[in-house]
Amino acid sequence: SGTYGNKEECPCYNNWKTKEGKPKC
């Protein structure tokens, strides 16, 4: 929800990372 943050609501969305380990979503 919202335009920024709140990624704890969606663990899959939060935990998907790039090859460099940065957030993908």
mmCIF file of all heavy atoms, coordinates in Angstrom:
data_MODEL
# 
_entry.id   MODEL 
# 
loop_
_atom_site.group_PDB 
_atom_site.id 
_atom_site.type_symbol 
_atom_site.label_atom_id 
_atom_site.label_alt_id 
_atom_site.label_comp_id 
_atom_site.label_asym_id 
_atom_site.label_entity_id 
_atom_site.label_seq_id 
_atom_site.pdbx_PDB_ins_code 
_atom_site.Cartn_x 
_atom_site.Cartn_y 
_atom_site.Cartn_z 
_atom_site.occupancy 
_atom_site.B_iso_or_equiv 
_atom_site.pdbx_formal_charge 
_atom_site.auth_seq_id 
_atom_site.auth_comp_id 
_atom_site.auth_asym_id 
_atom_site.auth_atom_id 
_atom_site.pdbx_PDB_model_num 
ATOM 1   N N   . SER A 1 1  ? 0.841  -1.195  0.000   1.00 0.00 ? 1  SER A N   1 
ATOM 2   C CA  . SER A 1 1  ? 0.000  0.000   0.000   1.00 0.00 ? 1  SER A CA  1 
ATOM 3   C C   . SER A 1 1  ? 0.879  1.250   0.000   1.00 0.00 ? 1  SER A C   1 
ATOM 4   O O   . SER A 1 1  ? 2.032  1.226   0.421   1.00 0.00 ? 1  SER A O   1 
ATOM 5   C CB  . SER A 1 1  ? -0.915 -0.012  1.224   1.00 0.00 ? 1  SER A CB  1 
ATOM 6   O OG  . SER A 1 1  ? -0.143 -0.006  2.405   1.00 0.00 ? 1  SER A OG  1 
ATOM 7   N N   . GLY A 1 2  ? 0.318  2.323   -0.501  1.00 0.00 ? 2  GLY A N   1 
ATOM 8   C CA  . GLY A 1 2  ? 1.025  3.600   -0.519  1.00 0.00 ? 2  GLY A CA  1 
ATOM 9   C C   . GLY A 1 2  ? 1.963  3.726   -1.711  1.00 0.00 ? 2  GLY A C   1 
ATOM 10  O O   . GLY A 1 2  ? 2.089  2.839   -2.544  1.00 0.00 ? 2  GLY A O   1 
ATOM 11  N N   . THR A 1 3  ? 2.633  4.865   -1.768  1.00 0.00 ? 3  THR A N   1 
ATOM 12  C CA  . THR A 1 3  ? 3.549  5.135   -2.881  1.00 0.00 ? 3  THR A CA  1 
ATOM 13  C C   . THR A 1 3  ? 5.002  4.836   -2.523  1.00 0.00 ? 3  THR A C   1 
ATOM 14  O O   . THR A 1 3  ? 5.871  4.878   -3.388  1.00 0.00 ? 3  THR A O   1 
ATOM 15  C CB  . THR A 1 3  ? 3.440  6.611   -3.309  1.00 0.00 ? 3  THR A CB  1 
ATOM 16  O OG1 . THR A 1 3  ? 3.723  7.438   -2.181  1.00 0.00 ? 3  THR A OG1 1 
ATOM 17  C CG2 . THR A 1 3  ? 2.059  6.933   -3.845  1.00 0.00 ? 3  THR A CG2 1 
ATOM 18  N N   . TYR A 1 4  ? 5.256  4.521   -1.248  1.00 0.00 ? 4  TYR A N   1 
ATOM 19  C CA  . TYR A 1 4  ? 6.627  4.260   -0.804  1.00 0.00 ? 4  TYR A CA  1 
ATOM 20  C C   . TYR A 1 4  ? 6.580  3.423   0.470   1.00 0.00 ? 4  TYR A C   1 
ATOM 21  O O   . TYR A 1 4  ? 5.686  3.582   1.296   1.00 0.00 ? 4  TYR A O   1 
ATOM 22  C CB  . TYR A 1 4  ? 7.351  5.585   -0.523  1.00 0.00 ? 4  TYR A CB  1 
ATOM 23  C CG  . TYR A 1 4  ? 8.793  5.414   -0.104  1.00 0.00 ? 4  TYR A CG  1 
ATOM 24  C CD1 . TYR A 1 4  ? 9.788  5.186   -1.049  1.00 0.00 ? 4  TYR A CD1 1 
ATOM 25  C CD2 . TYR A 1 4  ? 9.151  5.458   1.233   1.00 0.00 ? 4  TYR A CD2 1 
ATOM 26  C CE1 . TYR A 1 4  ? 11.107 5.025   -0.658  1.00 0.00 ? 4  TYR A CE1 1 
ATOM 27  C CE2 . TYR A 1 4  ? 10.463 5.299   1.631   1.00 0.00 ? 4  TYR A CE2 1 
ATOM 28  C CZ  . TYR A 1 4  ? 11.443 5.078   0.677   1.00 0.00 ? 4  TYR A CZ  1 
ATOM 29  O OH  . TYR A 1 4  ? 12.739 4.906   1.059   1.00 0.00 ? 4  TYR A OH  1 
ATOM 30  N N   . GLY A 1 5  ? 7.547  2.523   0.633   1.00 0.00 ? 5  GLY A N   1 
ATOM 31  C CA  . GLY A 1 5  ? 7.636  1.731   1.855   1.00 0.00 ? 5  GLY A CA  1 
ATOM 32  C C   . GLY A 1 5  ? 6.549  0.676   1.945   1.00 0.00 ? 5  GLY A C   1 
ATOM 33  O O   . GLY A 1 5  ? 6.007  0.226   0.940   1.00 0.00 ? 5  GLY A O   1 
ATOM 34  N N   . ASN A 1 6  ? 6.242  0.255   3.147   1.00 0.00 ? 6  ASN A N   1 
ATOM 35  C CA  . ASN A 1 6  ? 5.219  -0.756  3.455   1.00 0.00 ? 6  ASN A CA  1 
ATOM 36  C C   . ASN A 1 6  ? 5.491  -2.114  2.809   1.00 0.00 ? 6  ASN A C   1 
ATOM 37  O O   . ASN A 1 6  ? 4.576  -2.920  2.652   1.00 0.00 ? 6  ASN A O   1 
ATOM 38  C CB  . ASN A 1 6  ? 3.821  -0.273  3.067   1.00 0.00 ? 6  ASN A CB  1 
ATOM 39  C CG  . ASN A 1 6  ? 3.454  1.030   3.711   1.00 0.00 ? 6  ASN A CG  1 
ATOM 40  O OD1 . ASN A 1 6  ? 3.724  1.243   4.890   1.00 0.00 ? 6  ASN A OD1 1 
ATOM 41  N ND2 . ASN A 1 6  ? 2.873  1.926   2.948   1.00 0.00 ? 6  ASN A ND2 1 
ATOM 42  N N   . LYS A 1 7  ? 6.730  -2.379  2.450   1.00 0.00 ? 7  LYS A N   1 
ATOM 43  C CA  . LYS A 1 7  ? 7.055  -3.641  1.770   1.00 0.00 ? 7  LYS A CA  1 
ATOM 44  C C   . LYS A 1 7  ? 6.884  -4.858  2.665   1.00 0.00 ? 7  LYS A C   1 
ATOM 45  O O   . LYS A 1 7  ? 6.764  -5.972  2.168   1.00 0.00 ? 7  LYS A O   1 
ATOM 46  C CB  . LYS A 1 7  ? 8.478  -3.600  1.208   1.00 0.00 ? 7  LYS A CB  1 
ATOM 47  C CG  . LYS A 1 7  ? 8.629  -2.679  0.012   1.00 0.00 ? 7  LYS A CG  1 
ATOM 48  C CD  . LYS A 1 7  ? 10.025 -2.810  -0.573  1.00 0.00 ? 7  LYS A CD  1 
ATOM 49  C CE  . LYS A 1 7  ? 10.221 -1.912  -1.765  1.00 0.00 ? 7  LYS A CE  1 
ATOM 50  N NZ  . LYS A 1 7  ? 11.553 -2.079  -2.349  1.00 0.00 ? 7  LYS A NZ  1 
ATOM 51  N N   . GLU A 1 8  ? 6.827  -4.650  3.975   1.00 0.00 ? 8  GLU A N   1 
ATOM 52  C CA  . GLU A 1 8  ? 6.620  -5.780  4.887   1.00 0.00 ? 8  GLU A CA  1 
ATOM 53  C C   . GLU A 1 8  ? 5.255  -6.430  4.659   1.00 0.00 ? 8  GLU A C   1 
ATOM 54  O O   . GLU A 1 8  ? 5.032  -7.564  5.059   1.00 0.00 ? 8  GLU A O   1 
ATOM 55  C CB  . GLU A 1 8  ? 6.784  -5.346  6.344   1.00 0.00 ? 8  GLU A CB  1 
ATOM 56  C CG  . GLU A 1 8  ? 5.729  -4.397  6.870   1.00 0.00 ? 8  GLU A CG  1 
ATOM 57  C CD  . GLU A 1 8  ? 5.934  -2.928  6.485   1.00 0.00 ? 8  GLU A CD  1 
ATOM 58  O OE1 . GLU A 1 8  ? 6.978  -2.578  5.895   1.00 0.00 ? 8  GLU A OE1 1 
ATOM 59  O OE2 . GLU A 1 8  ? 5.030  -2.134  6.795   1.00 0.00 ? 8  GLU A OE2 1 
ATOM 60  N N   . GLU A 1 9  ? 4.344  -5.738  3.997   1.00 0.00 ? 9  GLU A N   1 
ATOM 61  C CA  . GLU A 1 9  ? 3.028  -6.310  3.674   1.00 0.00 ? 9  GLU A CA  1 
ATOM 62  C C   . GLU A 1 9  ? 3.136  -7.443  2.654   1.00 0.00 ? 9  GLU A C   1 
ATOM 63  O O   . GLU A 1 9  ? 2.260  -8.297  2.597   1.00 0.00 ? 9  GLU A O   1 
ATOM 64  C CB  . GLU A 1 9  ? 2.095  -5.237  3.092   1.00 0.00 ? 9  GLU A CB  1 
ATOM 65  C CG  . GLU A 1 9  ? 1.761  -4.131  4.046   1.00 0.00 ? 9  GLU A CG  1 
ATOM 66  C CD  . GLU A 1 9  ? 0.968  -3.011  3.399   1.00 0.00 ? 9  GLU A CD  1 
ATOM 67  O OE1 . GLU A 1 9  ? 0.726  -3.037  2.179   1.00 0.00 ? 9  GLU A OE1 1 
ATOM 68  O OE2 . GLU A 1 9  ? 0.586  -2.098  4.136   1.00 0.00 ? 9  GLU A OE2 1 
ATOM 69  N N   . CYS A 1 10 ? 4.182  -7.414  1.846   1.00 0.00 ? 10 CYS A N   1 
ATOM 70  C CA  . CYS A 1 10 ? 4.365  -8.398  0.773   1.00 0.00 ? 10 CYS A CA  1 
ATOM 71  C C   . CYS A 1 10 ? 5.774  -8.985  0.853   1.00 0.00 ? 10 CYS A C   1 
ATOM 72  O O   . CYS A 1 10 ? 6.689  -8.486  0.185   1.00 0.00 ? 10 CYS A O   1 
ATOM 73  C CB  . CYS A 1 10 ? 4.184  -7.748  -0.587  1.00 0.00 ? 10 CYS A CB  1 
ATOM 74  S SG  . CYS A 1 10 ? 2.634  -6.874  -0.817  1.00 0.00 ? 10 CYS A SG  1 
ATOM 75  N N   . PRO A 1 11 ? 5.988  -10.039 1.635   1.00 0.00 ? 11 PRO A N   1 
ATOM 76  C CA  . PRO A 1 11 ? 7.339  -10.594 1.776   1.00 0.00 ? 11 PRO A CA  1 
ATOM 77  C C   . PRO A 1 11 ? 7.990  -10.976 0.442   1.00 0.00 ? 11 PRO A C   1 
ATOM 78  O O   . PRO A 1 11 ? 9.179  -10.722 0.249   1.00 0.00 ? 11 PRO A O   1 
ATOM 79  C CB  . PRO A 1 11 ? 7.136  -11.820 2.658   1.00 0.00 ? 11 PRO A CB  1 
ATOM 80  C CG  . PRO A 1 11 ? 5.902  -11.516 3.443   1.00 0.00 ? 11 PRO A CG  1 
ATOM 81  C CD  . PRO A 1 11 ? 5.034  -10.701 2.521   1.00 0.00 ? 11 PRO A CD  1 
ATOM 82  N N   . CYS A 1 12 ? 7.245  -11.564 -0.473  1.00 0.00 ? 12 CYS A N   1 
ATOM 83  C CA  . CYS A 1 12 ? 7.807  -11.932 -1.782  1.00 0.00 ? 12 CYS A CA  1 
ATOM 84  C C   . CYS A 1 12 ? 8.307  -10.677 -2.494  1.00 0.00 ? 12 CYS A C   1 
ATOM 85  O O   . CYS A 1 12 ? 9.407  -10.643 -3.033  1.00 0.00 ? 12 CYS A O   1 
ATOM 86  C CB  . CYS A 1 12 ? 6.733  -12.638 -2.612  1.00 0.00 ? 12 CYS A CB  1 
ATOM 87  S SG  . CYS A 1 12 ? 7.118  -12.829 -4.362  1.00 0.00 ? 12 CYS A SG  1 
ATOM 88  N N   . TYR A 1 13 ? 7.494  -9.650  -2.506  1.00 0.00 ? 13 TYR A N   1 
ATOM 89  C CA  . TYR A 1 13 ? 7.814  -8.369  -3.143  1.00 0.00 ? 13 TYR A CA  1 
ATOM 90  C C   . TYR A 1 13 ? 9.040  -7.753  -2.472  1.00 0.00 ? 13 TYR A C   1 
ATOM 91  O O   . TYR A 1 13 ? 9.915  -7.221  -3.123  1.00 0.00 ? 13 TYR A O   1 
ATOM 92  C CB  . TYR A 1 13 ? 6.600  -7.457  -2.975  1.00 0.00 ? 13 TYR A CB  1 
ATOM 93  C CG  . TYR A 1 13 ? 6.541  -6.213  -3.820  1.00 0.00 ? 13 TYR A CG  1 
ATOM 94  C CD1 . TYR A 1 13 ? 5.788  -6.191  -4.995  1.00 0.00 ? 13 TYR A CD1 1 
ATOM 95  C CD2 . TYR A 1 13 ? 7.177  -5.048  -3.430  1.00 0.00 ? 13 TYR A CD2 1 
ATOM 96  C CE1 . TYR A 1 13 ? 5.683  -5.034  -5.755  1.00 0.00 ? 13 TYR A CE1 1 
ATOM 97  C CE2 . TYR A 1 13 ? 7.084  -3.892  -4.185  1.00 0.00 ? 13 TYR A CE2 1 
ATOM 98  C CZ  . TYR A 1 13 ? 6.338  -3.879  -5.344  1.00 0.00 ? 13 TYR A CZ  1 
ATOM 99  O OH  . TYR A 1 13 ? 6.233  -2.742  -6.088  1.00 0.00 ? 13 TYR A OH  1 
ATOM 100 N N   . ASN A 1 14 ? 9.104  -7.859  -1.165  1.00 0.00 ? 14 ASN A N   1 
ATOM 101 C CA  . ASN A 1 14 ? 10.188 -7.280  -0.384  1.00 0.00 ? 14 ASN A CA  1 
ATOM 102 C C   . ASN A 1 14 ? 11.501 -8.049  -0.545  1.00 0.00 ? 14 ASN A C   1 
ATOM 103 O O   . ASN A 1 14 ? 12.574 -7.459  -0.566  1.00 0.00 ? 14 ASN A O   1 
ATOM 104 C CB  . ASN A 1 14 ? 9.791  -7.235  1.088   1.00 0.00 ? 14 ASN A CB  1 
ATOM 105 C CG  . ASN A 1 14 ? 10.770 -6.467  1.947   1.00 0.00 ? 14 ASN A CG  1 
ATOM 106 O OD1 . ASN A 1 14 ? 11.346 -5.478  1.514   1.00 0.00 ? 14 ASN A OD1 1 
ATOM 107 N ND2 . ASN A 1 14 ? 10.965 -6.928  3.154   1.00 0.00 ? 14 ASN A ND2 1 
ATOM 108 N N   . ASN A 1 15 ? 11.427 -9.359  -0.666  1.00 0.00 ? 15 ASN A N   1 
ATOM 109 C CA  . ASN A 1 15 ? 12.632 -10.198 -0.656  1.00 0.00 ? 15 ASN A CA  1 
ATOM 110 C C   . ASN A 1 15 ? 13.215 -10.490 -2.034  1.00 0.00 ? 15 ASN A C   1 
ATOM 111 O O   . ASN A 1 15 ? 14.287 -11.083 -2.130  1.00 0.00 ? 15 ASN A O   1 
ATOM 112 C CB  . ASN A 1 15 ? 12.339 -11.521 0.054   1.00 0.00 ? 15 ASN A CB  1 
ATOM 113 C CG  . ASN A 1 15 ? 11.966 -11.297 1.503   1.00 0.00 ? 15 ASN A CG  1 
ATOM 114 O OD1 . ASN A 1 15 ? 12.377 -10.325 2.117   1.00 0.00 ? 15 ASN A OD1 1 
ATOM 115 N ND2 . ASN A 1 15 ? 11.161 -12.189 2.044   1.00 0.00 ? 15 ASN A ND2 1 
ATOM 116 N N   . TRP A 1 16 ? 12.535 -10.096 -3.100  1.00 0.00 ? 16 TRP A N   1 
ATOM 117 C CA  . TRP A 1 16 ? 13.063 -10.340 -4.448  1.00 0.00 ? 16 TRP A CA  1 
ATOM 118 C C   . TRP A 1 16 ? 14.158 -9.318  -4.709  1.00 0.00 ? 16 TRP A C   1 
ATOM 119 O O   . TRP A 1 16 ? 13.931 -8.115  -4.698  1.00 0.00 ? 16 TRP A O   1 
ATOM 120 C CB  . TRP A 1 16 ? 11.936 -10.231 -5.468  1.00 0.00 ? 16 TRP A CB  1 
ATOM 121 C CG  . TRP A 1 16 ? 12.242 -10.877 -6.780  1.00 0.00 ? 16 TRP A CG  1 
ATOM 122 C CD1 . TRP A 1 16 ? 13.265 -11.708 -7.077  1.00 0.00 ? 16 TRP A CD1 1 
ATOM 123 C CD2 . TRP A 1 16 ? 11.487 -10.732 -7.975  1.00 0.00 ? 16 TRP A CD2 1 
ATOM 124 N NE1 . TRP A 1 16 ? 13.196 -12.109 -8.390  1.00 0.00 ? 16 TRP A NE1 1 
ATOM 125 C CE2 . TRP A 1 16 ? 12.116 -11.523 -8.962  1.00 0.00 ? 16 TRP A CE2 1 
ATOM 126 C CE3 . TRP A 1 16 ? 10.345 -10.025 -8.318  1.00 0.00 ? 16 TRP A CE3 1 
ATOM 127 C CZ2 . TRP A 1 16 ? 11.634 -11.613 -10.270 1.00 0.00 ? 16 TRP A CZ2 1 
ATOM 128 C CZ3 . TRP A 1 16 ? 9.871  -10.119 -9.616  1.00 0.00 ? 16 TRP A CZ3 1 
ATOM 129 C CH2 . TRP A 1 16 ? 10.505 -10.903 -10.578 1.00 0.00 ? 16 TRP A CH2 1 
ATOM 130 N N   . LYS A 1 17 ? 15.391 -9.789  -4.943  1.00 0.00 ? 17 LYS A N   1 
ATOM 131 C CA  . LYS A 1 17 ? 16.555 -8.898  -5.074  1.00 0.00 ? 17 LYS A CA  1 
ATOM 132 C C   . LYS A 1 17 ? 17.192 -9.021  -6.456  1.00 0.00 ? 17 LYS A C   1 
ATOM 133 O O   . LYS A 1 17 ? 17.051 -10.024 -7.149  1.00 0.00 ? 17 LYS A O   1 
ATOM 134 C CB  . LYS A 1 17 ? 17.621 -9.255  -4.020  1.00 0.00 ? 17 LYS A CB  1 
ATOM 135 C CG  . LYS A 1 17 ? 17.117 -9.284  -2.587  1.00 0.00 ? 17 LYS A CG  1 
ATOM 136 C CD  . LYS A 1 17 ? 16.807 -7.920  -2.064  1.00 0.00 ? 17 LYS A CD  1 
ATOM 137 C CE  . LYS A 1 17 ? 16.417 -8.015  -0.586  1.00 0.00 ? 17 LYS A CE  1 
ATOM 138 N NZ  . LYS A 1 17 ? 15.683 -6.890  -0.126  1.00 0.00 ? 17 LYS A NZ  1 
ATOM 139 N N   . THR A 1 18 ? 17.958 -7.993  -6.842  1.00 0.00 ? 18 THR A N   1 
ATOM 140 C CA  . THR A 1 18 ? 18.737 -8.025  -8.072  1.00 0.00 ? 18 THR A CA  1 
ATOM 141 C C   . THR A 1 18 ? 19.997 -8.856  -7.824  1.00 0.00 ? 18 THR A C   1 
ATOM 142 O O   . THR A 1 18 ? 20.276 -9.262  -6.691  1.00 0.00 ? 18 THR A O   1 
ATOM 143 C CB  . THR A 1 18 ? 19.157 -6.599  -8.491  1.00 0.00 ? 18 THR A CB  1 
ATOM 144 O OG1 . THR A 1 18 ? 20.007 -6.067  -7.474  1.00 0.00 ? 18 THR A OG1 1 
ATOM 145 C CG2 . THR A 1 18 ? 17.948 -5.705  -8.708  1.00 0.00 ? 18 THR A CG2 1 
ATOM 146 N N   . LYS A 1 19 ? 20.781 -9.063  -8.866  1.00 0.00 ? 19 LYS A N   1 
ATOM 147 C CA  . LYS A 1 19 ? 22.044 -9.803  -8.714  1.00 0.00 ? 19 LYS A CA  1 
ATOM 148 C C   . LYS A 1 19 ? 22.978 -9.107  -7.735  1.00 0.00 ? 19 LYS A C   1 
ATOM 149 O O   . LYS A 1 19 ? 23.778 -9.740  -7.070  1.00 0.00 ? 19 LYS A O   1 
ATOM 150 C CB  . LYS A 1 19 ? 22.748 -9.930  -10.068 1.00 0.00 ? 19 LYS A CB  1 
ATOM 151 C CG  . LYS A 1 19 ? 22.028 -10.821 -11.047 1.00 0.00 ? 19 LYS A CG  1 
ATOM 152 C CD  . LYS A 1 19 ? 22.731 -10.816 -12.398 1.00 0.00 ? 19 LYS A CD  1 
ATOM 153 C CE  . LYS A 1 19 ? 21.905 -11.551 -13.414 1.00 0.00 ? 19 LYS A CE  1 
ATOM 154 N NZ  . LYS A 1 19 ? 22.452 -11.448 -14.772 1.00 0.00 ? 19 LYS A NZ  1 
ATOM 155 N N   . GLU A 1 20 ? 22.848 -7.785  -7.658  1.00 0.00 ? 20 GLU A N   1 
ATOM 156 C CA  . GLU A 1 20 ? 23.698 -6.994  -6.755  1.00 0.00 ? 20 GLU A CA  1 
ATOM 157 C C   . GLU A 1 20 ? 23.172 -6.991  -5.320  1.00 0.00 ? 20 GLU A C   1 
ATOM 158 O O   . GLU A 1 20 ? 23.765 -6.384  -4.436  1.00 0.00 ? 20 GLU A O   1 
ATOM 159 C CB  . GLU A 1 20 ? 23.820 -5.540  -7.254  1.00 0.00 ? 20 GLU A CB  1 
ATOM 160 C CG  . GLU A 1 20 ? 24.547 -5.388  -8.570  1.00 0.00 ? 20 GLU A CG  1 
ATOM 161 C CD  . GLU A 1 20 ? 23.652 -5.684  -9.779  1.00 0.00 ? 20 GLU A CD  1 
ATOM 162 O OE1 . GLU A 1 20 ? 22.435 -5.492  -9.696  1.00 0.00 ? 20 GLU A OE1 1 
ATOM 163 O OE2 . GLU A 1 20 ? 24.195 -6.114  -10.810 1.00 0.00 ? 20 GLU A OE2 1 
ATOM 164 N N   . GLY A 1 21 ? 22.020 -7.609  -5.085  1.00 0.00 ? 21 GLY A N   1 
ATOM 165 C CA  . GLY A 1 21 ? 21.457 -7.673  -3.747  1.00 0.00 ? 21 GLY A CA  1 
ATOM 166 C C   . GLY A 1 21 ? 20.554 -6.512  -3.375  1.00 0.00 ? 21 GLY A C   1 
ATOM 167 O O   . GLY A 1 21 ? 20.136 -6.362  -2.247  1.00 0.00 ? 21 GLY A O   1 
ATOM 168 N N   . LYS A 1 22 ? 20.262 -5.649  -4.363  1.00 0.00 ? 22 LYS A N   1 
ATOM 169 C CA  . LYS A 1 22 ? 19.370 -4.522  -4.120  1.00 0.00 ? 22 LYS A CA  1 
ATOM 170 C C   . LYS A 1 22 ? 17.931 -4.938  -4.358  1.00 0.00 ? 22 LYS A C   1 
ATOM 171 O O   . LYS A 1 22 ? 17.678 -5.891  -5.099  1.00 0.00 ? 22 LYS A O   1 
ATOM 172 C CB  . LYS A 1 22 ? 19.752 -3.359  -5.043  1.00 0.00 ? 22 LYS A CB  1 
ATOM 173 C CG  . LYS A 1 22 ? 21.130 -2.801  -4.779  1.00 0.00 ? 22 LYS A CG  1 
ATOM 174 C CD  . LYS A 1 22 ? 21.462 -1.674  -5.717  1.00 0.00 ? 22 LYS A CD  1 
ATOM 175 C CE  . LYS A 1 22 ? 22.853 -1.134  -5.442  1.00 0.00 ? 22 LYS A CE  1 
ATOM 176 N NZ  . LYS A 1 22 ? 23.219 -0.070  -6.367  1.00 0.00 ? 22 LYS A NZ  1 
ATOM 177 N N   . PRO A 1 23 ? 16.959 -4.217  -3.788  1.00 0.00 ? 23 PRO A N   1 
ATOM 178 C CA  . PRO A 1 23 ? 15.561 -4.565  -4.002  1.00 0.00 ? 23 PRO A CA  1 
ATOM 179 C C   . PRO A 1 23 ? 15.175 -4.457  -5.473  1.00 0.00 ? 23 PRO A C   1 
ATOM 180 O O   . PRO A 1 23 ? 15.521 -3.492  -6.147  1.00 0.00 ? 23 PRO A O   1 
ATOM 181 C CB  . PRO A 1 23 ? 14.792 -3.543  -3.185  1.00 0.00 ? 23 PRO A CB  1 
ATOM 182 C CG  . PRO A 1 23 ? 15.770 -2.912  -2.273  1.00 0.00 ? 23 PRO A CG  1 
ATOM 183 C CD  . PRO A 1 23 ? 17.125 -3.089  -2.887  1.00 0.00 ? 23 PRO A CD  1 
ATOM 184 N N   . LYS A 1 24 ? 14.491 -5.488  -5.991  1.00 0.00 ? 24 LYS A N   1 
ATOM 185 C CA  . LYS A 1 24 ? 14.063 -5.476  -7.380  1.00 0.00 ? 24 LYS A CA  1 
ATOM 186 C C   . LYS A 1 24 ? 12.735 -4.723  -7.540  1.00 0.00 ? 24 LYS A C   1 
ATOM 187 O O   . LYS A 1 24 ? 12.475 -4.112  -8.554  1.00 0.00 ? 24 LYS A O   1 
ATOM 188 C CB  . LYS A 1 24 ? 13.899 -6.913  -7.876  1.00 0.00 ? 24 LYS A CB  1 
ATOM 189 C CG  . LYS A 1 24 ? 13.644 -7.016  -9.358  1.00 0.00 ? 24 LYS A CG  1 
ATOM 190 C CD  . LYS A 1 24 ? 13.684 -8.462  -9.802  1.00 0.00 ? 24 LYS A CD  1 
ATOM 191 C CE  . LYS A 1 24 ? 14.027 -8.569  -11.259 1.00 0.00 ? 24 LYS A CE  1 
ATOM 192 N NZ  . LYS A 1 24 ? 15.389 -8.893  -11.531 1.00 0.00 ? 24 LYS A NZ  1 
ATOM 193 N N   . CYS A 1 25 ? 11.907 -4.789  -6.504  1.00 0.00 ? 25 CYS A N   1 
ATOM 194 C CA  . CYS A 1 25 ? 10.554 -4.225  -6.591  1.00 0.00 ? 25 CYS A CA  1 
ATOM 195 C C   . CYS A 1 25 ? 10.477 -2.847  -5.948  1.00 0.00 ? 25 CYS A C   1 
ATOM 196 O O   . CYS A 1 25 ? 10.992 -2.647  -4.851  1.00 0.00 ? 25 CYS A O   1 
ATOM 197 C CB  . CYS A 1 25 ? 9.575  -5.168  -5.913  1.00 0.00 ? 25 CYS A CB  1 
ATOM 198 S SG  . CYS A 1 25 ? 9.641  -6.854  -6.567  1.00 0.00 ? 25 CYS A SG  1 
# 
